[in-house]
Amino acid sequence: MIDETLFKENLEYLNLHGFLLIKNALDDETVALWQGILYSMYEKNERSTR
C-alpha cells in the first residue's frame, strides 16, 4: 500500500530539487562500482583542466 502523503512529499521534493534519494535502493556492490566510475571520471576531468 502506498502512503499518499509520503508520495506527494517525495514528488514535490523531486520536482523542486531534480533528484530524490531512495535509501537502500542499490546494494553495496553496485554503489561501490558506481563510486569508482564516478571518481575516475572526476579525476580525469581534473587533470585535463590543469
N, C-alpha and C. Protein backbone atom coordinates (compact mmCIF):
# COMPACT_ATOMS: atom_id res chain seq x y z
N MET A 1 0.83 -1.18 0.00
CA MET A 1 0.00 0.00 0.00
C MET A 1 0.88 1.25 0.00
N ILE A 2 0.54 2.24 -0.78
CA ILE A 2 1.31 3.46 -0.91
C ILE A 2 0.81 4.51 0.08
N ASP A 3 1.76 5.10 0.80
CA ASP A 3 1.45 6.21 1.70
C ASP A 3 1.32 7.47 0.83
N GLU A 4 0.10 7.93 0.61
CA GLU A 4 -0.17 9.06 -0.28
C GLU A 4 0.55 10.34 0.16
N THR A 5 0.60 10.60 1.45
CA THR A 5 1.26 11.81 1.95
C THR A 5 2.75 11.76 1.64
N LEU A 6 3.39 10.65 1.94
CA LEU A 6 4.81 10.48 1.67
C LEU A 6 5.08 10.57 0.17
N PHE A 7 4.23 9.95 -0.63
CA PHE A 7 4.38 10.01 -2.07
C PHE A 7 4.33 11.45 -2.57
N LYS A 8 3.38 12.22 -2.12
CA LYS A 8 3.24 13.61 -2.54
C LYS A 8 4.45 14.44 -2.09
N GLU A 9 4.91 14.22 -0.87
CA GLU A 9 6.08 14.94 -0.37
C GLU A 9 7.32 14.61 -1.22
N ASN A 10 7.50 13.34 -1.52
CA ASN A 10 8.64 12.93 -2.34
C ASN A 10 8.55 13.50 -3.75
N LEU A 11 7.37 13.52 -4.33
CA LEU A 11 7.17 14.07 -5.66
C LEU A 11 7.47 15.57 -5.67
N GLU A 12 7.03 16.27 -4.65
CA GLU A 12 7.31 17.70 -4.54
C GLU A 12 8.82 17.94 -4.43
N TYR A 13 9.50 17.13 -3.62
CA TYR A 13 10.94 17.26 -3.47
C TYR A 13 11.64 17.02 -4.80
N LEU A 14 11.23 15.98 -5.50
CA LEU A 14 11.80 15.67 -6.81
C LEU A 14 11.61 16.82 -7.78
N ASN A 15 10.44 17.37 -7.83
CA ASN A 15 10.17 18.48 -8.73
C ASN A 15 10.97 19.73 -8.37
N LEU A 16 11.18 19.96 -7.09
CA LEU A 16 11.90 21.14 -6.63
C LEU A 16 13.41 21.03 -6.82
N HIS A 17 13.97 19.86 -6.50
CA HIS A 17 15.42 19.68 -6.48
C HIS A 17 15.98 18.93 -7.68
N GLY A 18 15.16 18.21 -8.40
CA GLY A 18 15.63 17.47 -9.56
C GLY A 18 16.19 16.09 -9.24
N PHE A 19 16.14 15.70 -7.99
CA PHE A 19 16.57 14.36 -7.60
C PHE A 19 15.83 13.93 -6.34
N LEU A 20 15.87 12.64 -6.09
CA LEU A 20 15.23 12.09 -4.90
C LEU A 20 16.11 10.96 -4.38
N LEU A 21 16.48 11.02 -3.13
CA LEU A 21 17.28 9.98 -2.52
C LEU A 21 16.36 8.84 -2.09
N ILE A 22 16.68 7.66 -2.56
CA ILE A 22 15.92 6.47 -2.19
C ILE A 22 16.87 5.54 -1.45
N LYS A 23 16.76 5.53 -0.14
CA LYS A 23 17.67 4.75 0.68
C LYS A 23 17.52 3.26 0.40
N ASN A 24 18.67 2.59 0.37
CA ASN A 24 18.76 1.13 0.18
C ASN A 24 18.20 0.66 -1.16
N ALA A 25 18.18 1.54 -2.16
CA ALA A 25 17.69 1.15 -3.48
C ALA A 25 18.72 0.28 -4.21
N LEU A 26 20.01 0.49 -3.91
CA LEU A 26 21.08 -0.27 -4.55
C LEU A 26 21.86 -1.04 -3.49
N ASP A 27 22.38 -2.19 -3.88
CA ASP A 27 23.20 -2.97 -2.96
C ASP A 27 24.59 -2.34 -2.86
N ASP A 28 25.35 -2.71 -1.85
CA ASP A 28 26.67 -2.11 -1.59
C ASP A 28 27.63 -2.30 -2.76
N GLU A 29 27.57 -3.44 -3.42
CA GLU A 29 28.47 -3.71 -4.55
C GLU A 29 28.20 -2.75 -5.71
N THR A 30 26.95 -2.50 -6.01
CA THR A 30 26.59 -1.57 -7.09
C THR A 30 27.00 -0.15 -6.74
N VAL A 31 26.80 0.24 -5.50
CA VAL A 31 27.21 1.58 -5.06
C VAL A 31 28.72 1.73 -5.20
N ALA A 32 29.48 0.75 -4.78
CA ALA A 32 30.94 0.80 -4.87
C ALA A 32 31.39 0.88 -6.33
N LEU A 33 30.75 0.14 -7.20
CA LEU A 33 31.08 0.17 -8.62
C LEU A 33 30.87 1.57 -9.20
N TRP A 34 29.71 2.14 -8.95
CA TRP A 34 29.41 3.49 -9.44
C TRP A 34 30.33 4.53 -8.82
N GLN A 35 30.64 4.36 -7.55
CA GLN A 35 31.53 5.30 -6.88
C GLN A 35 32.90 5.29 -7.57
N GLY A 36 33.41 4.12 -7.88
CA GLY A 36 34.69 4.02 -8.57
C GLY A 36 34.65 4.66 -9.95
N ILE A 37 33.59 4.42 -10.69
CA ILE A 37 33.44 5.00 -12.02
C ILE A 37 33.38 6.53 -11.94
N LEU A 38 32.57 7.04 -11.06
CA LEU A 38 32.41 8.49 -10.95
C LEU A 38 33.68 9.17 -10.46
N TYR A 39 34.36 8.57 -9.48
CA TYR A 39 35.63 9.15 -9.01
C TYR A 39 36.66 9.16 -10.13
N SER A 40 36.72 8.10 -10.90
CA SER A 40 37.65 8.03 -12.03
C SER A 40 37.35 9.12 -13.06
N MET A 41 36.08 9.31 -13.37
CA MET A 41 35.69 10.35 -14.32
C MET A 41 36.07 11.73 -13.78
N TYR A 42 35.85 11.96 -12.51
CA TYR A 42 36.17 13.23 -11.88
C TYR A 42 37.67 13.49 -11.93
N GLU A 43 38.46 12.48 -11.61
CA GLU A 43 39.92 12.63 -11.60
C GLU A 43 40.44 12.93 -13.00
N LYS A 44 39.91 12.28 -14.02
CA LYS A 44 40.34 12.54 -15.41
C LYS A 44 40.00 13.96 -15.82
N ASN A 45 38.85 14.44 -15.42
CA ASN A 45 38.44 15.80 -15.74
C ASN A 45 39.32 16.81 -15.03
N GLU A 46 39.68 16.54 -13.78
CA GLU A 46 40.54 17.44 -13.01
C GLU A 46 41.93 17.57 -13.67
N ARG A 47 42.45 16.48 -14.13
CA ARG A 47 43.77 16.50 -14.75
C ARG A 47 43.77 17.24 -16.08
N SER A 48 42.68 17.15 -16.83
CA SER A 48 42.64 17.77 -18.16
C SER A 48 42.45 19.28 -18.08
N THR A 49 41.98 19.81 -16.95
CA THR A 49 41.75 21.24 -16.84
C THR A 49 42.92 21.99 -16.21
N ARG A 50 43.93 21.29 -15.76
CA ARG A 50 45.09 21.94 -15.11
C ARG A 50 46.16 22.27 -16.09
